[in-house]
Amino acid sequence: ALNLDGVALIDFDTDAEHTRATVGAHVHGSAGLMSYEVEGYAQVGSLGDSTSYGAWMIGAQAGVSPEHAINPYIGGGIDVLSGDGEADDTLSTFVLGAGDSHRYNGHFDQWAGGNGDRGLIDGHFDLSLSPYSAMTMMVGIHAFAAVEAGDGEAFEGFEADIDLMWTPWDPLDVLVGVWVYKPNEGDVQVAAVMQADFQF
């Protein structure tokens, strides 16, 4: 099965004279035990009278879901987000939607403030297991690098994530996660979260 979705999002603020459009496409599908997705987007628009937006991102990932009692998924992929390495009137840093940075790029926004002027290359490995219908464990490993490194070091660091999602009963979801980041230069950083989502 193959699915193609077109995307068009408009973000504007008349008081700030800001208009930014994100347009692109998302292709996803499956073939037997394998699933895949490819996406690409451009951002265009203007900020005030003299500044324009011109940014982009591309991503691809694939994985397999072997038939097993623990319902495993094993996969990986790469995302590339443009940065703004030029001192001109075009803003070239791709801006992710609210909440999307963690979904796609680990917690790089927390460790390093996001893709910023340097852009971001995120190569990732993904593993998930569901030993019980009410429990899913997710493991992610990310290798981060800059698109616009200039004369500096392109490699940013590694991140490892372990998240456990438990649904003891239908209205309640409990998430426990631990994230470890080792920057190219500097000490290891560790963060953890525990949250509950109750729907009624």
C-alpha atoms as a PDB file:
ATOM      1  CA  ALA A   1       0.000   0.000   0.000  1.00  0.00           C
ATOM      2  CA  LEU A   2       1.196   3.495  -0.887  1.00  0.00           C
ATOM      3  CA  ASN A   3      -0.238   6.779   0.400  1.00  0.00           C
ATOM      4  CA  LEU A   4       0.626  10.310  -0.695  1.00  0.00           C
ATOM      5  CA  ASP A   5      -0.373  13.301   1.427  1.00  0.00           C
ATOM      6  CA  GLY A   6       0.027  16.915   0.358  1.00  0.00           C
ATOM      7  CA  VAL A   7       0.716  19.454   3.107  1.00  0.00           C
ATOM      8  CA  ALA A   8       0.139  23.207   3.165  1.00  0.00           C
ATOM      9  CA  LEU A   9       0.324  25.202   6.420  1.00  0.00           C
ATOM     10  CA  ILE A  10       0.124  28.984   6.770  1.00  0.00           C
ATOM     11  CA  ASP A  11       1.441  30.863   9.799  1.00  0.00           C
ATOM     12  CA  PHE A  12       0.855  34.611   9.846  1.00  0.00           C
ATOM     13  CA  ASP A  13       0.821  37.527  12.237  1.00  0.00           C
ATOM     14  CA  THR A  14      -0.412  40.825  10.800  1.00  0.00           C
ATOM     15  CA  ASP A  15       0.944  42.884  13.702  1.00  0.00           C
ATOM     16  CA  ALA A  16       4.463  41.493  13.211  1.00  0.00           C
ATOM     17  CA  GLU A  17       4.134  41.541   9.408  1.00  0.00           C
ATOM     18  CA  HIS A  18       5.026  37.858   9.425  1.00  0.00           C
ATOM     19  CA  THR A  19       3.796  35.274   6.923  1.00  0.00           C
ATOM     20  CA  ARG A  20       5.319  31.800   6.551  1.00  0.00           C
ATOM     21  CA  ALA A  21       3.953  28.962   4.417  1.00  0.00           C
ATOM     22  CA  THR A  22       5.098  25.348   4.739  1.00  0.00           C
ATOM     23  CA  VAL A  23       4.301  23.227   1.688  1.00  0.00           C
ATOM     24  CA  GLY A  24       5.371  19.717   0.751  1.00  0.00           C
ATOM     25  CA  ALA A  25       4.465  16.067   0.549  1.00  0.00           C
ATOM     26  CA  HIS A  26       4.550  12.965   2.739  1.00  0.00           C
ATOM     27  CA  VAL A  27       4.691   9.492   1.172  1.00  0.00           C
ATOM     28  CA  HIS A  28       4.200   6.429   3.354  1.00  0.00           C
ATOM     29  CA  GLY A  29       3.386   2.829   2.755  1.00  0.00           C
ATOM     30  CA  SER A  30       4.179  -0.801   3.446  1.00  0.00           C
ATOM     31  CA  ALA A  31       5.201  -3.951   1.634  1.00  0.00           C
ATOM     32  CA  GLY A  32       4.967  -7.182   3.586  1.00  0.00           C
ATOM     33  CA  LEU A  33       6.767  -6.759   6.912  1.00  0.00           C
ATOM     34  CA  MET A  34       8.400  -3.503   5.792  1.00  0.00           C
ATOM     35  CA  SER A  35       7.039   0.021   6.226  1.00  0.00           C
ATOM     36  CA  TYR A  36       8.525   3.264   4.958  1.00  0.00           C
ATOM     37  CA  GLU A  37       7.978   6.987   4.681  1.00  0.00           C
ATOM     38  CA  VAL A  38       9.585   9.841   2.769  1.00  0.00           C
ATOM     39  CA  GLU A  39       8.792  13.528   3.167  1.00  0.00           C
ATOM     40  CA  GLY A  40       9.981  16.886   1.962  1.00  0.00           C
ATOM     41  CA  TYR A  41       8.888  20.453   2.738  1.00  0.00           C
ATOM     42  CA  ALA A  42       9.777  24.012   1.831  1.00  0.00           C
ATOM     43  CA  GLN A  43       9.110  27.166   3.847  1.00  0.00           C
ATOM     44  CA  VAL A  44       8.582  30.492   2.098  1.00  0.00           C
ATOM     45  CA  GLY A  45       7.212  33.856   3.137  1.00  0.00           C
ATOM     46  CA  SER A  46       8.246  37.222   4.492  1.00  0.00           C
ATOM     47  CA  LEU A  47       9.011  39.075   7.712  1.00  0.00           C
ATOM     48  CA  GLY A  48       8.580  42.801   7.439  1.00  0.00           C
ATOM     49  CA  ASP A  49       9.533  44.629   4.264  1.00  0.00           C
ATOM     50  CA  SER A  50      13.061  43.336   3.709  1.00  0.00           C
ATOM     51  CA  THR A  51      13.337  39.770   5.092  1.00  0.00           C
ATOM     52  CA  SER A  52      12.102  36.597   3.421  1.00  0.00           C
ATOM     53  CA  TYR A  53      11.856  32.925   4.401  1.00  0.00           C
ATOM     54  CA  GLY A  54      13.577  30.252   2.338  1.00  0.00           C
ATOM     55  CA  ALA A  55      14.027  26.980   4.234  1.00  0.00           C
ATOM     56  CA  TRP A  56      13.613  23.245   3.602  1.00  0.00           C
ATOM     57  CA  MET A  57      13.689  19.806   5.166  1.00  0.00           C
ATOM     58  CA  ILE A  58      13.754  16.235   3.879  1.00  0.00           C
ATOM     59  CA  GLY A  59      13.416  12.948   5.710  1.00  0.00           C
ATOM     60  CA  ALA A  60      13.221   9.224   5.060  1.00  0.00           C
ATOM     61  CA  GLN A  61      12.871   6.182   7.240  1.00  0.00           C
ATOM     62  CA  ALA A  62      12.087   2.500   6.916  1.00  0.00           C
ATOM     63  CA  GLY A  63      11.668  -0.469   9.202  1.00  0.00           C
ATOM     64  CA  VAL A  64      10.390  -3.984   9.620  1.00  0.00           C
ATOM     65  CA  SER A  65       7.839  -5.486  11.996  1.00  0.00           C
ATOM     66  CA  PRO A  66       8.638  -9.199  12.340  1.00  0.00           C
ATOM     67  CA  GLU A  67       5.805 -11.477  13.373  1.00  0.00           C
ATOM     68  CA  HIS A  68       6.501 -12.200  17.037  1.00  0.00           C
ATOM     69  CA  ALA A  69       4.638 -12.202  20.338  1.00  0.00           C
ATOM     70  CA  ILE A  70       6.408  -9.002  21.498  1.00  0.00           C
ATOM     71  CA  ASN A  71       5.374  -7.074  18.336  1.00  0.00           C
ATOM     72  CA  PRO A  72       8.824  -5.651  17.518  1.00  0.00           C
ATOM     73  CA  TYR A  73       9.600  -2.774  15.174  1.00  0.00           C
ATOM     74  CA  ILE A  74      13.187  -2.257  13.997  1.00  0.00           C
ATOM     75  CA  GLY A  75      14.035   0.656  11.771  1.00  0.00           C
ATOM     76  CA  GLY A  76      16.008   3.779  11.122  1.00  0.00           C
ATOM     77  CA  GLY A  77      16.209   6.868   8.995  1.00  0.00           C
ATOM     78  CA  ILE A  78      17.612  10.328   8.434  1.00  0.00           C
ATOM     79  CA  ASP A  79      16.203  13.857   8.661  1.00  0.00           C
ATOM     80  CA  VAL A  80      17.937  16.944   7.256  1.00  0.00           C
ATOM     81  CA  LEU A  81      16.791  20.465   8.230  1.00  0.00           C
ATOM     82  CA  SER A  82      18.257  23.583   6.650  1.00  0.00           C
ATOM     83  CA  GLY A  83      20.155  26.163   8.676  1.00  0.00           C
ATOM     84  CA  ASP A  84      20.961  29.833   8.184  1.00  0.00           C
ATOM     85  CA  GLY A  85      24.683  30.054   7.595  1.00  0.00           C
ATOM     86  CA  GLU A  86      24.553  33.151   5.370  1.00  0.00           C
ATOM     87  CA  ALA A  87      24.398  36.746   6.584  1.00  0.00           C
ATOM     88  CA  ASP A  88      21.702  37.958   4.185  1.00  0.00           C
ATOM     89  CA  ASP A  89      18.029  38.926   4.124  1.00  0.00           C
ATOM     90  CA  THR A  90      16.747  35.328   3.836  1.00  0.00           C
ATOM     91  CA  LEU A  91      15.890  33.303   6.947  1.00  0.00           C
ATOM     92  CA  SER A  92      16.915  29.751   6.003  1.00  0.00           C
ATOM     93  CA  THR A  93      16.392  27.870   9.277  1.00  0.00           C
ATOM     94  CA  PHE A  94      13.553  25.361   8.923  1.00  0.00           C
ATOM     95  CA  VAL A  95      11.009  25.803  11.741  1.00  0.00           C
ATOM     96  CA  LEU A  96       9.313  22.654  13.002  1.00  0.00           C
ATOM     97  CA  GLY A  97       5.702  22.733  14.156  1.00  0.00           C
ATOM     98  CA  ALA A  98       4.968  22.841  17.871  1.00  0.00           C
ATOM     99  CA  GLY A  99       5.756  19.464  19.429  1.00  0.00           C
ATOM    100  CA  ASP A 100       7.294  17.964  16.291  1.00  0.00           C
ATOM    101  CA  SER A 101      10.941  18.284  17.326  1.00  0.00           C
ATOM    102  CA  HIS A 102      10.621  15.504  19.925  1.00  0.00           C
ATOM    103  CA  ARG A 103       8.616  13.340  17.592  1.00  0.00           C
ATOM    104  CA  TYR A 104      11.266  13.399  14.907  1.00  0.00           C
ATOM    105  CA  ASN A 105      14.601  14.599  16.319  1.00  0.00           C
ATOM    106  CA  GLY A 106      14.877  13.270  19.834  1.00  0.00           C
ATOM    107  CA  HIS A 107      15.502  16.070  22.324  1.00  0.00           C
ATOM    108  CA  PHE A 108      18.056  18.054  20.335  1.00  0.00           C
ATOM    109  CA  ASP A 109      16.078  21.246  20.931  1.00  0.00           C
ATOM    110  CA  GLN A 110      16.545  20.723  24.667  1.00  0.00           C
ATOM    111  CA  TRP A 111      20.258  19.896  24.495  1.00  0.00           C
ATOM    112  CA  ALA A 112      21.380  22.444  21.905  1.00  0.00           C
ATOM    113  CA  GLY A 113      18.467  24.796  21.286  1.00  0.00           C
ATOM    114  CA  GLY A 114      17.325  23.225  18.018  1.00  0.00           C
ATOM    115  CA  ASN A 115      18.706  23.325  14.489  1.00  0.00           C
ATOM    116  CA  GLY A 116      19.305  27.087  14.576  1.00  0.00           C
ATOM    117  CA  ASP A 117      21.797  28.645  12.172  1.00  0.00           C
ATOM    118  CA  ARG A 118      23.725  25.391  11.717  1.00  0.00           C
ATOM    119  CA  GLY A 119      20.819  23.268  10.511  1.00  0.00           C
ATOM    120  CA  LEU A 120      20.539  19.633  11.545  1.00  0.00           C
ATOM    121  CA  ILE A 121      21.289  16.166  10.211  1.00  0.00           C
ATOM    122  CA  ASP A 122      19.716  13.482  12.408  1.00  0.00           C
ATOM    123  CA  GLY A 123      20.525   9.856  11.645  1.00  0.00           C
ATOM    124  CA  HIS A 124      18.487   7.630  13.932  1.00  0.00           C
ATOM    125  CA  PHE A 125      17.874   3.986  14.880  1.00  0.00           C
ATOM    126  CA  ASP A 126      14.464   3.049  16.289  1.00  0.00           C
ATOM    127  CA  LEU A 127      13.273  -0.008  18.185  1.00  0.00           C
ATOM    128  CA  SER A 128       9.932  -0.678  19.842  1.00  0.00           C
ATOM    129  CA  LEU A 129       8.574  -3.713  21.674  1.00  0.00           C
ATOM    130  CA  SER A 130       5.099  -4.450  23.046  1.00  0.00           C
ATOM    131  CA  PRO A 131       5.387  -7.476  25.334  1.00  0.00           C
ATOM    132  CA  TYR A 132       1.833  -6.772  26.517  1.00  0.00           C
ATOM    133  CA  SER A 133      -1.045  -5.058  24.745  1.00  0.00           C
ATOM    134  CA  ALA A 134      -1.040  -2.328  27.406  1.00  0.00           C
ATOM    135  CA  MET A 135       2.730  -1.697  27.389  1.00  0.00           C
ATOM    136  CA  THR A 136       5.177  -0.430  24.758  1.00  0.00           C
ATOM    137  CA  MET A 137       8.903   0.180  25.170  1.00  0.00           C
ATOM    138  CA  MET A 138      10.624   2.502  22.677  1.00  0.00           C
ATOM    139  CA  VAL A 139      14.384   2.892  22.200  1.00  0.00           C
ATOM    140  CA  GLY A 140      15.940   5.549  19.986  1.00  0.00           C
ATOM    141  CA  ILE A 141      19.569   6.336  19.152  1.00  0.00           C
ATOM    142  CA  HIS A 142      20.414   9.596  17.350  1.00  0.00           C
ATOM    143  CA  ALA A 143      23.617  10.899  15.783  1.00  0.00           C
ATOM    144  CA  PHE A 144      23.420  14.668  15.248  1.00  0.00           C
ATOM    145  CA  ALA A 145      25.478  16.799  12.859  1.00  0.00           C
ATOM    146  CA  ALA A 146      25.281  20.293  11.384  1.00  0.00           C
ATOM    147  CA  VAL A 147      24.403  21.164   7.791  1.00  0.00           C
ATOM    148  CA  GLU A 148      26.071  24.593   7.990  1.00  0.00           C
ATOM    149  CA  ALA A 149      29.277  23.847   9.904  1.00  0.00           C
ATOM    150  CA  GLY A 150      31.452  26.520   8.271  1.00  0.00           C
ATOM    151  CA  ASP A 151      35.008  26.132   9.539  1.00  0.00           C
ATOM    152  CA  GLY A 152      33.811  24.427  12.723  1.00  0.00           C
ATOM    153  CA  GLU A 153      33.148  20.819  13.677  1.00  0.00           C
ATOM    154  CA  ALA A 154      30.050  19.382  12.004  1.00  0.00           C
ATOM    155  CA  PHE A 155      29.407  16.544  14.469  1.00  0.00           C
ATOM    156  CA  GLU A 156      27.139  17.606  17.347  1.00  0.00           C
ATOM    157  CA  GLY A 157      26.743  14.489  19.499  1.00  0.00           C
ATOM    158  CA  PHE A 158      24.864  11.277  20.265  1.00  0.00           C
ATOM    159  CA  GLU A 159      21.565  10.777  22.081  1.00  0.00           C
ATOM    160  CA  ALA A 160      20.000   7.603  23.494  1.00  0.00           C
ATOM    161  CA  ASP A 161      16.356   7.474  24.610  1.00  0.00           C
ATOM    162  CA  ILE A 162      14.328   4.851  26.454  1.00  0.00           C
ATOM    163  CA  ASP A 163      10.587   5.471  26.864  1.00  0.00           C
ATOM    164  CA  LEU A 164       8.010   3.178  28.419  1.00  0.00           C
ATOM    165  CA  MET A 165       4.310   3.741  27.716  1.00  0.00           C
ATOM    166  CA  TRP A 166       1.830   1.890  29.947  1.00  0.00           C
ATOM    167  CA  THR A 167      -1.967   1.940  29.721  1.00  0.00           C
ATOM    168  CA  PRO A 168      -3.228   0.302  32.921  1.00  0.00           C
ATOM    169  CA  TRP A 169      -6.788   1.001  31.793  1.00  0.00           C
ATOM    170  CA  ASP A 170      -8.316   2.786  28.830  1.00  0.00           C
ATOM    171  CA  PRO A 171      -8.617   6.356  30.224  1.00  0.00           C
ATOM    172  CA  LEU A 172      -5.060   6.464  31.615  1.00  0.00           C
ATOM    173  CA  ASP A 173      -1.676   6.527  29.847  1.00  0.00           C
ATOM    174  CA  VAL A 174       1.560   6.661  31.847  1.00  0.00           C
ATOM    175  CA  LEU A 175       4.886   7.589  30.231  1.00  0.00           C
ATOM    176  CA  VAL A 176       8.313   7.142  31.834  1.00  0.00           C
ATOM    177  CA  GLY A 177      11.378   8.189  29.878  1.00  0.00           C
ATOM    178  CA  VAL A 178      15.131   8.611  30.291  1.00  0.00           C
ATOM    179  CA  TRP A 179      17.278  10.504  27.739  1.00  0.00           C
ATOM    180  CA  VAL A 180      21.075  10.677  27.637  1.00  0.00           C
ATOM    181  CA  TYR A 181      23.017  13.109  25.434  1.00  0.00           C
ATOM    182  CA  LYS A 182      26.791  13.062  24.823  1.00  0.00           C
ATOM    183  CA  PRO A 183      27.845  16.226  22.971  1.00  0.00           C
ATOM    184  CA  ASN A 184      30.918  16.272  20.781  1.00  0.00           C
ATOM    185  CA  GLU A 185      32.533  18.504  23.377  1.00  0.00           C
ATOM    186  CA  GLY A 186      31.421  18.594  26.980  1.00  0.00           C
ATOM    187  CA  ASP A 187      29.933  16.354  29.636  1.00  0.00           C
ATOM    188  CA  VAL A 188      27.146  13.815  29.359  1.00  0.00           C
ATOM    189  CA  GLN A 189      23.700  15.268  30.030  1.00  0.00           C
ATOM    190  CA  VAL A 190      20.798  13.235  31.432  1.00  0.00           C
ATOM    191  CA  ALA A 191      17.091  14.052  31.653  1.00  0.00           C
ATOM    192  CA  ALA A 192      14.038  12.068  32.696  1.00  0.00           C
ATOM    193  CA  VAL A 193      10.288  12.466  32.581  1.00  0.00           C
ATOM    194  CA  MET A 194       7.233  10.850  34.091  1.00  0.00           C
ATOM    195  CA  GLN A 195       3.796  11.972  32.981  1.00  0.00           C
ATOM    196  CA  ALA A 196       0.228  10.723  33.075  1.00  0.00           C
ATOM    197  CA  ASP A 197      -2.564  11.473  30.623  1.00  0.00           C
ATOM    198  CA  PHE A 198      -6.091  10.865  31.863  1.00  0.00           C
ATOM    199  CA  GLN A 199      -8.952  11.218  29.379  1.00  0.00           C
ATOM    200  CA  PHE A 200     -12.554  11.450  30.498  1.00  0.00           C
END
